[in-house]
C-alpha atoms as a PDB file:
ATOM      1  CA  MET A   1     -19.267 -36.628   6.935  1.00  0.00           C
ATOM      2  CA  SER A   2     -19.574 -39.020   3.925  1.00  0.00           C
ATOM      3  CA  ARG A   3     -17.392 -38.720   0.756  1.00  0.00           C
ATOM      4  CA  GLN A   4     -17.966 -35.873  -1.428  1.00  0.00           C
ATOM      5  CA  SER A   5     -19.563 -36.007  -4.699  1.00  0.00           C
ATOM      6  CA  ALA A   6     -17.614 -37.055  -7.900  1.00  0.00           C
ATOM      7  CA  PRO A   7     -17.637 -33.658  -9.444  1.00  0.00           C
ATOM      8  CA  MET A   8     -16.148 -31.919  -6.556  1.00  0.00           C
ATOM      9  CA  LEU A   9     -13.397 -34.537  -6.451  1.00  0.00           C
ATOM     10  CA  ARG A  10     -12.785 -34.104 -10.157  1.00  0.00           C
ATOM     11  CA  LEU A  11     -12.284 -30.480  -9.593  1.00  0.00           C
ATOM     12  CA  LEU A  12      -9.838 -30.850  -6.769  1.00  0.00           C
ATOM     13  CA  ALA A  13      -7.782 -33.499  -8.770  1.00  0.00           C
ATOM     14  CA  ALA A  14      -7.700 -31.205 -11.691  1.00  0.00           C
ATOM     15  CA  SER A  15      -6.686 -28.075  -9.574  1.00  0.00           C
ATOM     16  CA  CYS A  16      -4.085 -29.765  -7.440  1.00  0.00           C
ATOM     17  CA  ALA A  17      -1.643 -29.938 -10.329  1.00  0.00           C
ATOM     18  CA  MET A  18      -1.933 -26.242 -11.110  1.00  0.00           C
ATOM     19  CA  LEU A  19       0.410 -24.721  -8.650  1.00  0.00           C
ATOM     20  CA  PHE A  20       1.401 -21.048  -8.542  1.00  0.00           C
ATOM     21  CA  ALA A  21       4.460 -19.607  -6.893  1.00  0.00           C
ATOM     22  CA  VAL A  22       4.395 -16.562  -4.677  1.00  0.00           C
ATOM     23  CA  PRO A  23       4.337 -17.926  -0.841  1.00  0.00           C
ATOM     24  CA  THR A  24       2.254 -15.004   0.510  1.00  0.00           C
ATOM     25  CA  LEU A  25       0.771 -17.751   2.673  1.00  0.00           C
ATOM     26  CA  ALA A  26       4.194 -18.771   3.968  1.00  0.00           C
ATOM     27  CA  LEU A  27       4.702 -16.269   6.707  1.00  0.00           C
ATOM     28  CA  ALA A  28       5.135 -18.839   9.345  1.00  0.00           C
ATOM     29  CA  ALA A  29       7.922 -21.086  10.150  1.00  0.00           C
ATOM     30  CA  PRO A  30      10.587 -21.950   7.658  1.00  0.00           C
ATOM     31  CA  ALA A  31       9.517 -25.443   7.659  1.00  0.00           C
ATOM     32  CA  LEU A  32       6.180 -24.459   6.081  1.00  0.00           C
ATOM     33  CA  ASP A  33       8.204 -22.577   3.530  1.00  0.00           C
ATOM     34  CA  ASP A  34       9.892 -25.737   2.540  1.00  0.00           C
ATOM     35  CA  GLY A  35       6.607 -27.672   2.415  1.00  0.00           C
ATOM     36  CA  ILE A  36       5.085 -25.120   0.066  1.00  0.00           C
ATOM     37  CA  ASP A  37       8.194 -24.849  -2.148  1.00  0.00           C
ATOM     38  CA  ALA A  38       7.918 -28.793  -2.475  1.00  0.00           C
ATOM     39  CA  TYR A  39       4.190 -28.465  -3.030  1.00  0.00           C
ATOM     40  CA  GLN A  40       4.663 -25.965  -5.757  1.00  0.00           C
ATOM     41  CA  GLN A  41       7.305 -28.086  -7.457  1.00  0.00           C
ATOM     42  CA  GLY A  42       5.138 -31.308  -7.344  1.00  0.00           C
ATOM     43  CA  ASP A  43       7.157 -33.145  -4.836  1.00  0.00           C
ATOM     44  CA  PHE A  44       4.203 -34.154  -2.920  1.00  0.00           C
ATOM     45  CA  GLU A  45       5.823 -36.844  -1.003  1.00  0.00           C
ATOM     46  CA  LYS A  46       8.072 -34.292   0.388  1.00  0.00           C
ATOM     47  CA  SER A  47       5.566 -31.709   1.085  1.00  0.00           C
ATOM     48  CA  ALA A  48       3.104 -34.159   2.963  1.00  0.00           C
ATOM     49  CA  SER A  49       6.095 -35.273   5.250  1.00  0.00           C
ATOM     50  CA  ILE A  50       6.481 -31.441   6.079  1.00  0.00           C
ATOM     51  CA  PHE A  51       2.872 -30.579   6.288  1.00  0.00           C
ATOM     52  CA  SER A  52       2.019 -33.482   8.580  1.00  0.00           C
ATOM     53  CA  PRO A  53       3.567 -32.553  11.786  1.00  0.00           C
ATOM     54  CA  LEU A  54       2.704 -28.776  11.141  1.00  0.00           C
ATOM     55  CA  ALA A  55      -0.985 -29.867  10.752  1.00  0.00           C
ATOM     56  CA  ASP A  56      -0.881 -31.669  14.051  1.00  0.00           C
ATOM     57  CA  GLN A  57       0.302 -28.532  15.496  1.00  0.00           C
ATOM     58  CA  GLY A  58      -2.657 -26.422  14.129  1.00  0.00           C
ATOM     59  CA  ASP A  59      -1.066 -24.783  11.237  1.00  0.00           C
ATOM     60  CA  ALA A  60      -3.985 -23.847   8.987  1.00  0.00           C
ATOM     61  CA  THR A  61      -2.151 -23.497   5.700  1.00  0.00           C
ATOM     62  CA  ALA A  62      -0.447 -27.004   6.358  1.00  0.00           C
ATOM     63  CA  GLN A  63      -3.772 -28.357   7.199  1.00  0.00           C
ATOM     64  CA  TYR A  64      -5.306 -27.045   4.023  1.00  0.00           C
ATOM     65  CA  LEU A  65      -2.577 -28.062   1.527  1.00  0.00           C
ATOM     66  CA  LEU A  66      -2.253 -31.470   3.234  1.00  0.00           C
ATOM     67  CA  SER A  67      -5.853 -32.029   3.045  1.00  0.00           C
ATOM     68  CA  CYS A  68      -5.736 -31.433  -0.739  1.00  0.00           C
ATOM     69  CA  GLN A  69      -3.030 -34.083  -0.888  1.00  0.00           C
ATOM     70  CA  MET A  70      -5.141 -36.577   1.170  1.00  0.00           C
ATOM     71  CA  ILE A  71      -8.367 -35.966  -0.817  1.00  0.00           C
ATOM     72  CA  ASN A  72      -6.503 -36.463  -4.085  1.00  0.00           C
ATOM     73  CA  GLY A  73      -3.835 -39.229  -2.929  1.00  0.00           C
ATOM     74  CA  ALA A  74      -0.929 -36.853  -4.244  1.00  0.00           C
ATOM     75  CA  GLY A  75       2.249 -38.100  -2.450  1.00  0.00           C
ATOM     76  CA  ILE A  76       0.215 -39.674   0.294  1.00  0.00           C
ATOM     77  CA  ALA A  77      -2.298 -42.350   0.365  1.00  0.00           C
ATOM     78  CA  SER A  78      -5.705 -41.274  -0.601  1.00  0.00           C
ATOM     79  CA  ASP A  79      -7.920 -41.006   2.351  1.00  0.00           C
ATOM     80  CA  GLN A  80     -11.126 -38.705   1.453  1.00  0.00           C
ATOM     81  CA  ASP A  81     -12.937 -39.001   4.831  1.00  0.00           C
ATOM     82  CA  ALA A  82      -9.806 -38.047   6.611  1.00  0.00           C
ATOM     83  CA  GLY A  83      -9.020 -35.417   4.045  1.00  0.00           C
ATOM     84  CA  TRP A  84     -12.207 -33.545   4.394  1.00  0.00           C
ATOM     85  CA  GLN A  85     -11.943 -33.664   8.127  1.00  0.00           C
ATOM     86  CA  MET A  86      -8.368 -32.034   7.612  1.00  0.00           C
ATOM     87  CA  LEU A  87     -10.014 -29.570   5.451  1.00  0.00           C
ATOM     88  CA  ASP A  88     -12.464 -28.658   8.228  1.00  0.00           C
ATOM     89  CA  HIS A  89      -9.856 -28.107  10.561  1.00  0.00           C
ATOM     90  CA  ALA A  90      -8.103 -25.571   8.321  1.00  0.00           C
ATOM     91  CA  ALA A  91     -11.262 -23.964   7.806  1.00  0.00           C
ATOM     92  CA  GLN A  92     -12.044 -23.617  11.716  1.00  0.00           C
ATOM     93  CA  ASN A  93      -8.389 -22.276  12.131  1.00  0.00           C
ATOM     94  CA  GLY A  94      -9.186 -19.529   9.510  1.00  0.00           C
ATOM     95  CA  ASN A  95      -7.789 -20.622   6.137  1.00  0.00           C
ATOM     96  CA  MET A  96      -9.944 -18.671   3.734  1.00  0.00           C
ATOM     97  CA  ASP A  97      -9.354 -21.008   1.039  1.00  0.00           C
ATOM     98  CA  ALA A  98     -10.381 -24.027   3.040  1.00  0.00           C
ATOM     99  CA  GLN A  99     -13.453 -22.053   4.115  1.00  0.00           C
ATOM    100  CA  ILE A 100     -14.427 -21.388   0.379  1.00  0.00           C
ATOM    101  CA  LEU A 101     -13.824 -25.093  -0.426  1.00  0.00           C
ATOM    102  CA  GLN A 102     -15.854 -26.251   2.593  1.00  0.00           C
ATOM    103  CA  ALA A 103     -18.776 -23.890   1.585  1.00  0.00           C
ATOM    104  CA  LYS A 104     -18.598 -25.246  -2.043  1.00  0.00           C
ATOM    105  CA  ARG A 105     -18.664 -28.732  -0.756  1.00  0.00           C
ATOM    106  CA  LEU A 106     -21.645 -27.892   1.459  1.00  0.00           C
ATOM    107  CA  GLU A 107     -23.419 -26.462  -1.565  1.00  0.00           C
ATOM    108  CA  ALA A 108     -22.845 -29.511  -3.608  1.00  0.00           C
ATOM    109  CA  MET A 109     -24.169 -31.686  -0.800  1.00  0.00           C
ATOM    110  CA  GLN A 110     -27.177 -29.197  -0.359  1.00  0.00           C
ATOM    111  CA  GLY A 111     -26.028 -28.599   3.445  1.00  0.00           C
ATOM    112  CA  SER A 112     -27.116 -25.808   5.534  1.00  0.00           C
ATOM    113  CA  LEU A 113     -27.438 -22.466   3.996  1.00  0.00           C
ATOM    114  CA  GLY A 114     -26.373 -20.687   7.314  1.00  0.00           C
ATOM    115  CA  ASP A 115     -23.211 -22.798   7.554  1.00  0.00           C
ATOM    116  CA  ILE A 116     -22.492 -21.885   3.950  1.00  0.00           C
ATOM    117  CA  HIS A 117     -23.138 -18.205   4.614  1.00  0.00           C
ATOM    118  CA  THR A 118     -20.791 -18.217   7.607  1.00  0.00           C
ATOM    119  CA  LEU A 119     -17.955 -19.770   5.668  1.00  0.00           C
ATOM    120  CA  TYR A 120     -18.167 -17.393   2.876  1.00  0.00           C
ATOM    121  CA  GLU A 121     -18.509 -14.357   5.394  1.00  0.00           C
ATOM    122  CA  ASN A 122     -15.413 -15.513   7.294  1.00  0.00           C
ATOM    123  CA  ALA A 123     -13.302 -15.736   3.906  1.00  0.00           C
ATOM    124  CA  ALA A 124     -14.731 -12.569   2.709  1.00  0.00           C
ATOM    125  CA  ARG A 125     -13.577 -10.593   6.014  1.00  0.00           C
ATOM    126  CA  GLN A 126     -10.166 -11.902   5.206  1.00  0.00           C
ATOM    127  CA  GLY A 127     -10.143 -10.303   1.898  1.00  0.00           C
ATOM    128  CA  SER A 128     -11.391 -13.183  -0.411  1.00  0.00           C
ATOM    129  CA  ALA A 129     -12.675 -12.016  -3.459  1.00  0.00           C
ATOM    130  CA  GLN A 130     -14.251 -15.230  -4.385  1.00  0.00           C
ATOM    131  CA  ALA A 131     -16.165 -15.075  -1.240  1.00  0.00           C
ATOM    132  CA  SER A 132     -17.388 -11.630  -1.627  1.00  0.00           C
ATOM    133  CA  MET A 133     -18.573 -12.387  -5.245  1.00  0.00           C
ATOM    134  CA  TRP A 134     -20.706 -15.254  -3.750  1.00  0.00           C
ATOM    135  CA  LEU A 135     -22.094 -12.959  -1.181  1.00  0.00           C
ATOM    136  CA  ALA A 136     -22.915 -10.214  -3.577  1.00  0.00           C
ATOM    137  CA  LEU A 137     -24.801 -12.598  -5.998  1.00  0.00           C
ATOM    138  CA  ASP A 138     -26.654 -13.948  -2.875  1.00  0.00           C
ATOM    139  CA  HIS A 139     -27.605 -10.321  -1.740  1.00  0.00           C
ATOM    140  CA  LEU A 140     -28.678  -9.455  -5.335  1.00  0.00           C
ATOM    141  CA  GLN A 141     -30.868 -12.618  -5.502  1.00  0.00           C
ATOM    142  CA  ASN A 142     -32.607 -11.455  -2.203  1.00  0.00           C
ATOM    143  CA  ASP A 143     -32.810  -7.690  -3.250  1.00  0.00           C
ATOM    144  CA  ARG A 144     -30.343  -6.561  -0.867  1.00  0.00           C
ATOM    145  CA  LYS A 145     -28.796  -4.173  -3.237  1.00  0.00           C
ATOM    146  CA  ASP A 146     -26.688  -2.050  -0.765  1.00  0.00           C
ATOM    147  CA  LYS A 147     -25.006  -5.113   0.630  1.00  0.00           C
ATOM    148  CA  ALA A 148     -24.487  -6.379  -2.803  1.00  0.00           C
ATOM    149  CA  ARG A 149     -22.641  -3.278  -3.858  1.00  0.00           C
ATOM    150  CA  GLU A 150     -20.584  -3.342  -0.646  1.00  0.00           C
ATOM    151  CA  GLN A 151     -19.421  -6.781  -1.504  1.00  0.00           C
ATOM    152  CA  LEU A 152     -18.737  -5.987  -5.186  1.00  0.00           C
ATOM    153  CA  ASP A 153     -16.667  -3.179  -4.123  1.00  0.00           C
ATOM    154  CA  ASN A 154     -14.679  -5.488  -1.735  1.00  0.00           C
ATOM    155  CA  ALA A 155     -14.235  -8.184  -4.652  1.00  0.00           C
ATOM    156  CA  TRP A 156     -12.949  -5.476  -6.887  1.00  0.00           C
ATOM    157  CA  ALA A 157     -10.554  -4.088  -4.350  1.00  0.00           C
ATOM    158  CA  ALA A 158      -9.242  -7.821  -3.895  1.00  0.00           C
ATOM    159  CA  GLY A 159      -8.594  -8.035  -7.659  1.00  0.00           C
ATOM    160  CA  ASP A 160     -11.820  -9.819  -9.105  1.00  0.00           C
ATOM    161  CA  PRO A 161     -12.663  -7.842 -12.541  1.00  0.00           C
ATOM    162  CA  ARG A 162     -16.055  -9.722 -12.627  1.00  0.00           C
ATOM    163  CA  ALA A 163     -17.216  -7.266  -9.698  1.00  0.00           C
ATOM    164  CA  ALA A 164     -16.425  -4.305 -11.974  1.00  0.00           C
ATOM    165  CA  THR A 165     -18.401  -5.708 -14.790  1.00  0.00           C
ATOM    166  CA  MET A 166     -21.356  -6.204 -12.444  1.00  0.00           C
ATOM    167  CA  ILE A 167     -21.046  -2.742 -10.862  1.00  0.00           C
ATOM    168  CA  ALA A 168     -21.142  -1.370 -14.530  1.00  0.00           C
ATOM    169  CA  THR A 169     -24.116  -3.225 -15.545  1.00  0.00           C
ATOM    170  CA  ARG A 170     -26.198  -3.384 -12.139  1.00  0.00           C
ATOM    171  CA  PHE A 171     -25.302  -0.161 -10.386  1.00  0.00           C
ATOM    172  CA  THR A 172     -24.108   2.500 -12.809  1.00  0.00           C
ATOM    173  CA  THR A 173     -26.449   4.754 -14.829  1.00  0.00           C
ATOM    174  CA  ASP A 174     -23.914   7.317 -15.997  1.00  0.00           C
ATOM    175  CA  PRO A 175     -22.674   6.255 -19.376  1.00  0.00           C
ATOM    176  CA  GLU A 176     -19.127   7.452 -18.807  1.00  0.00           C
ATOM    177  CA  GLN A 177     -18.946   5.488 -15.365  1.00  0.00           C
ATOM    178  CA  ARG A 178     -20.311   2.463 -16.881  1.00  0.00           C
ATOM    179  CA  GLN A 179     -17.616   2.626 -19.623  1.00  0.00           C
ATOM    180  CA  GLU A 180     -14.835   3.414 -17.157  1.00  0.00           C
ATOM    181  CA  TRP A 181     -15.760   0.440 -14.980  1.00  0.00           C
ATOM    182  CA  LEU A 182     -16.294  -2.050 -18.059  1.00  0.00           C
ATOM    183  CA  ARG A 183     -12.865  -0.780 -19.344  1.00  0.00           C
ATOM    184  CA  LYS A 184     -11.165  -1.391 -15.933  1.00  0.00           C
ATOM    185  CA  ALA A 185     -12.733  -5.075 -15.904  1.00  0.00           C
ATOM    186  CA  ALA A 186     -11.607  -5.779 -19.524  1.00  0.00           C
ATOM    187  CA  GLU A 187      -7.899  -4.642 -18.779  1.00  0.00           C
ATOM    188  CA  HIS A 188      -7.711  -7.404 -16.284  1.00  0.00           C
ATOM    189  CA  GLY A 189      -9.038 -10.148 -18.715  1.00  0.00           C
ATOM    190  CA  GLU A 190     -12.914  -9.849 -18.079  1.00  0.00           C
ATOM    191  CA  SER A 191     -14.156 -10.855 -21.643  1.00  0.00           C
ATOM    192  CA  HIS A 192     -17.924 -10.095 -20.743  1.00  0.00           C
ATOM    193  CA  ALA A 193     -16.937  -6.372 -20.143  1.00  0.00           C
ATOM    194  CA  ALA A 194     -15.280  -6.213 -23.599  1.00  0.00           C
ATOM    195  CA  ALA A 195     -18.395  -7.698 -25.016  1.00  0.00           C
ATOM    196  CA  TYR A 196     -20.553  -4.905 -23.458  1.00  0.00           C
ATOM    197  CA  LEU A 197     -18.216  -2.285 -24.520  1.00  0.00           C
ATOM    198  CA  ALA A 198     -18.344  -3.680 -28.229  1.00  0.00           C
ATOM    199  CA  THR A 199     -22.049  -3.246 -28.204  1.00  0.00           C
ATOM    200  CA  ASP A 200     -22.032   0.158 -26.646  1.00  0.00           C
ATOM    201  CA  PHE A 201     -19.497   1.584 -29.280  1.00  0.00           C
ATOM    202  CA  GLU A 202     -21.503  -0.311 -32.097  1.00  0.00           C
ATOM    203  CA  LYS A 203     -24.735   1.547 -31.035  1.00  0.00           C
ATOM    204  CA  SER A 204     -22.715   4.873 -31.047  1.00  0.00           C
ATOM    205  CA  ASP A 205     -21.232   4.041 -34.488  1.00  0.00           C
ATOM    206  CA  ASP A 206     -17.675   4.221 -33.331  1.00  0.00           C
ATOM    207  CA  ARG A 207     -16.417   1.378 -35.629  1.00  0.00           C
ATOM    208  CA  ALA A 208     -12.900   1.197 -34.811  1.00  0.00           C
ATOM    209  CA  ARG A 209     -13.439   0.959 -30.993  1.00  0.00           C
ATOM    210  CA  ALA A 210     -16.621  -1.365 -31.320  1.00  0.00           C
ATOM    211  CA  MET A 211     -14.311  -3.708 -33.499  1.00  0.00           C
ATOM    212  CA  GLY A 212     -11.493  -3.453 -31.039  1.00  0.00           C
ATOM    213  CA  TRP A 213     -13.619  -4.406 -28.103  1.00  0.00           C
ATOM    214  CA  CYS A 214     -15.092  -7.293 -30.299  1.00  0.00           C
ATOM    215  CA  ALA A 215     -11.692  -8.416 -30.928  1.00  0.00           C
ATOM    216  CA  VAL A 216     -10.828  -8.599 -27.214  1.00  0.00           C
ATOM    217  CA  ALA A 217     -13.936 -10.230 -26.175  1.00  0.00           C
ATOM    218  CA  SER A 218     -13.495 -12.950 -28.862  1.00  0.00           C
ATOM    219  CA  GLY A 219      -9.788 -13.290 -28.821  1.00  0.00           C
ATOM    220  CA  LEU A 220      -8.557 -12.503 -25.315  1.00  0.00           C
ATOM    221  CA  PRO A 221      -5.430 -14.598 -24.367  1.00  0.00           C
ATOM    222  CA  GLY A 222      -5.960 -17.163 -21.696  1.00  0.00           C
ATOM    223  CA  HIS A 223      -4.720 -16.506 -18.098  1.00  0.00           C
ATOM    224  CA  GLU A 224      -1.840 -18.724 -18.699  1.00  0.00           C
ATOM    225  CA  ALA A 225      -1.192 -17.407 -22.191  1.00  0.00           C
ATOM    226  CA  ASN A 226       0.742 -14.592 -23.937  1.00  0.00           C
ATOM    227  CA  ILE A 227      -0.991 -12.155 -26.266  1.00  0.00           C
ATOM    228  CA  ASP A 228      -1.694 -14.189 -29.428  1.00  0.00           C
ATOM    229  CA  TRP A 229      -2.208 -11.667 -32.303  1.00  0.00           C
ATOM    230  CA  GLU A 230      -2.860 -14.366 -34.799  1.00  0.00           C
ATOM    231  CA  LYS A 231      -5.856 -15.596 -32.505  1.00  0.00           C
ATOM    232  CA  ILE A 232      -7.023 -11.934 -32.201  1.00  0.00           C
ATOM    233  CA  GLY A 233      -6.900 -11.496 -35.986  1.00  0.00           C
ATOM    234  CA  ASN A 234      -8.947 -14.556 -36.448  1.00  0.00           C
ATOM    235  CA  ALA A 235     -11.472 -13.295 -33.989  1.00  0.00           C
ATOM    236  CA  ILE A 236     -11.748 -10.193 -36.059  1.00  0.00           C
ATOM    237  CA  ALA A 237     -12.312 -11.966 -39.301  1.00  0.00           C
ATOM    238  CA  LYS A 238     -14.902 -14.407 -37.646  1.00  0.00           C
ATOM    239  CA  ASN A 239     -16.777 -12.373 -35.086  1.00  0.00           C
ATOM    240  CA  CYS A 240     -16.020  -8.718 -35.850  1.00  0.00           C
ATOM    241  CA  ALA A 241     -15.955  -8.167 -39.574  1.00  0.00           C
ATOM    242  CA  HIS A 242     -19.506  -7.431 -39.841  1.00  0.00           C
ATOM    243  CA  LEU A 243     -18.861  -4.160 -38.079  1.00  0.00           C
ATOM    244  CA  ASP A 244     -17.238  -2.345 -41.050  1.00  0.00           C
ATOM    245  CA  ALA A 245     -18.456  -4.546 -43.733  1.00  0.00           C
ATOM    246  CA  ASP A 246     -20.598  -1.823 -45.237  1.00  0.00           C
ATOM    247  CA  MET A 247     -17.589   0.575 -45.469  1.00  0.00           C
ATOM    248  CA  GLU A 248     -15.790   1.449 -48.905  1.00  0.00           C
ATOM    249  CA  PRO A 249     -12.321  -0.469 -49.048  1.00  0.00           C
ATOM    250  CA  GLN A 250     -10.408   2.557 -48.372  1.00  0.00           C
ATOM    251  CA  ALA A 251     -12.396   3.641 -45.418  1.00  0.00           C
ATOM    252  CA  ARG A 252     -12.392  -0.013 -44.154  1.00  0.00           C
ATOM    253  CA  ALA A 253      -8.553  -0.243 -44.353  1.00  0.00           C
ATOM    254  CA  GLU A 254      -8.369   3.009 -42.454  1.00  0.00           C
ATOM    255  CA  ASN A 255     -10.531   1.572 -39.671  1.00  0.00           C
ATOM    256  CA  ARG A 256      -8.513  -1.505 -39.461  1.00  0.00           C
ATOM    257  CA  LYS A 257      -5.394   0.629 -38.779  1.00  0.00           C
ATOM    258  CA  GLN A 258      -7.359   2.389 -35.957  1.00  0.00           C
ATOM    259  CA  VAL A 259      -8.314  -1.120 -34.609  1.00  0.00           C
ATOM    260  CA  ASP A 260      -4.603  -2.023 -34.550  1.00  0.00           C
ATOM    261  CA  VAL A 261      -3.702   1.094 -32.763  1.00  0.00           C
ATOM    262  CA  PHE A 262      -6.435   0.443 -30.296  1.00  0.00           C
ATOM    263  CA  LEU A 263      -5.432  -3.168 -29.589  1.00  0.00           C
ATOM    264  CA  LYS A 264      -1.701  -2.092 -28.941  1.00  0.00           C
ATOM    265  CA  ASP A 265      -2.699   0.571 -26.600  1.00  0.00           C
ATOM    266  CA  PHE A 266      -5.109  -1.963 -24.888  1.00  0.00           C
ATOM    267  CA  PHE A 267      -2.450  -4.702 -24.225  1.00  0.00           C
ATOM    268  CA  ALA A 268      -0.031  -2.301 -23.312  1.00  0.00           C
ATOM    269  CA  SER A 269      -1.909  -1.809 -20.023  1.00  0.00           C
ATOM    270  CA  TYR A 270      -3.084  -5.464 -19.785  1.00  0.00           C
ATOM    271  CA  GLN A 271      -2.997  -7.164 -16.458  1.00  0.00           C
ATOM    272  CA  LYS A 272      -4.146 -10.808 -16.500  1.00  0.00           C
ATOM    273  CA  TRP A 273      -6.498 -11.835 -13.636  1.00  0.00           C
ATOM    274  CA  GLN A 274      -6.180 -15.107 -12.099  1.00  0.00           C
ATOM    275  CA  PRO A 275      -9.264 -16.882 -11.095  1.00  0.00           C
ATOM    276  CA  TRP A 276      -9.484 -18.499  -7.715  1.00  0.00           C
ATOM    277  CA  ARG A 277      -8.863 -22.310  -7.865  1.00  0.00           C
ATOM    278  CA  PRO A 278      -8.881 -24.869  -4.898  1.00  0.00           C
ATOM    279  CA  CYS A 279      -5.579 -26.289  -3.800  1.00  0.00           C
ATOM    280  CA  VAL A 280      -3.584 -23.600  -5.396  1.00  0.00           C
ATOM    281  CA  ILE A 281      -1.219 -21.233  -3.739  1.00  0.00           C
ATOM    282  CA  SER A 282      -2.491 -17.832  -4.689  1.00  0.00           C
ATOM    283  CA  ASP A 283      -0.290 -14.879  -5.184  1.00  0.00           C
ATOM    284  CA  GLY A 284      -2.858 -12.764  -3.375  1.00  0.00           C
ATOM    285  CA  GLN A 285      -3.238 -10.204  -6.256  1.00  0.00           C
END
């Protein structure tokens, strides 16, 4: 197949450097473990030398990671056509990340919708939250609500908090259930869920929790960052101060104390979610 479009190649190039430990993919030969270790450490020449013979033997993980290196010219001569062909081998051999990336490539190239569906369905069956989210959105767009809810449940079980937000806003009518789903999503770093909660508590005139959720939605730490209290404080001042602006000074001071307690409690159970990225070794959580 012809070369991929520039935007997808830039996505791969940007992602290839973001390597995460936890070799859940490395359950095969020790050689594969060594290759993954080198890949994670950015020693791409070594990883390519290890992956190449394993890829020839049909190892799907080696094929996937080697294809990333080939497409981006990382530690090996750049050969995009051969790299995409190698990625196709990895997808056919069952690597779910390769299947997702192939599906995204076909989308960018306006390829067969049936082929795209098949790739996402295969990845979803292996527990890919990213694939389940794509399928859920497709079902919603085509008014297949039962199937959409099933895929959202799968995506949430696989660790994607965006699914909980969608369940809350698309499928939940009970206010307490809605709040519970949104809270779960926010506690895993889904800022949209926090924004919904801020609006809900503003409507119920719960100033402290409205401001707390507003602060979370506005100043939530990035997936690679530690909790930045200064950033959160700035978010309150910039985006959330209107929520208690009409209070008397003493009442406002008391409200802000309650907001501080809320935020400390929130971040005590905060668990960051790591979005899917191509050419990255996932921790599977």
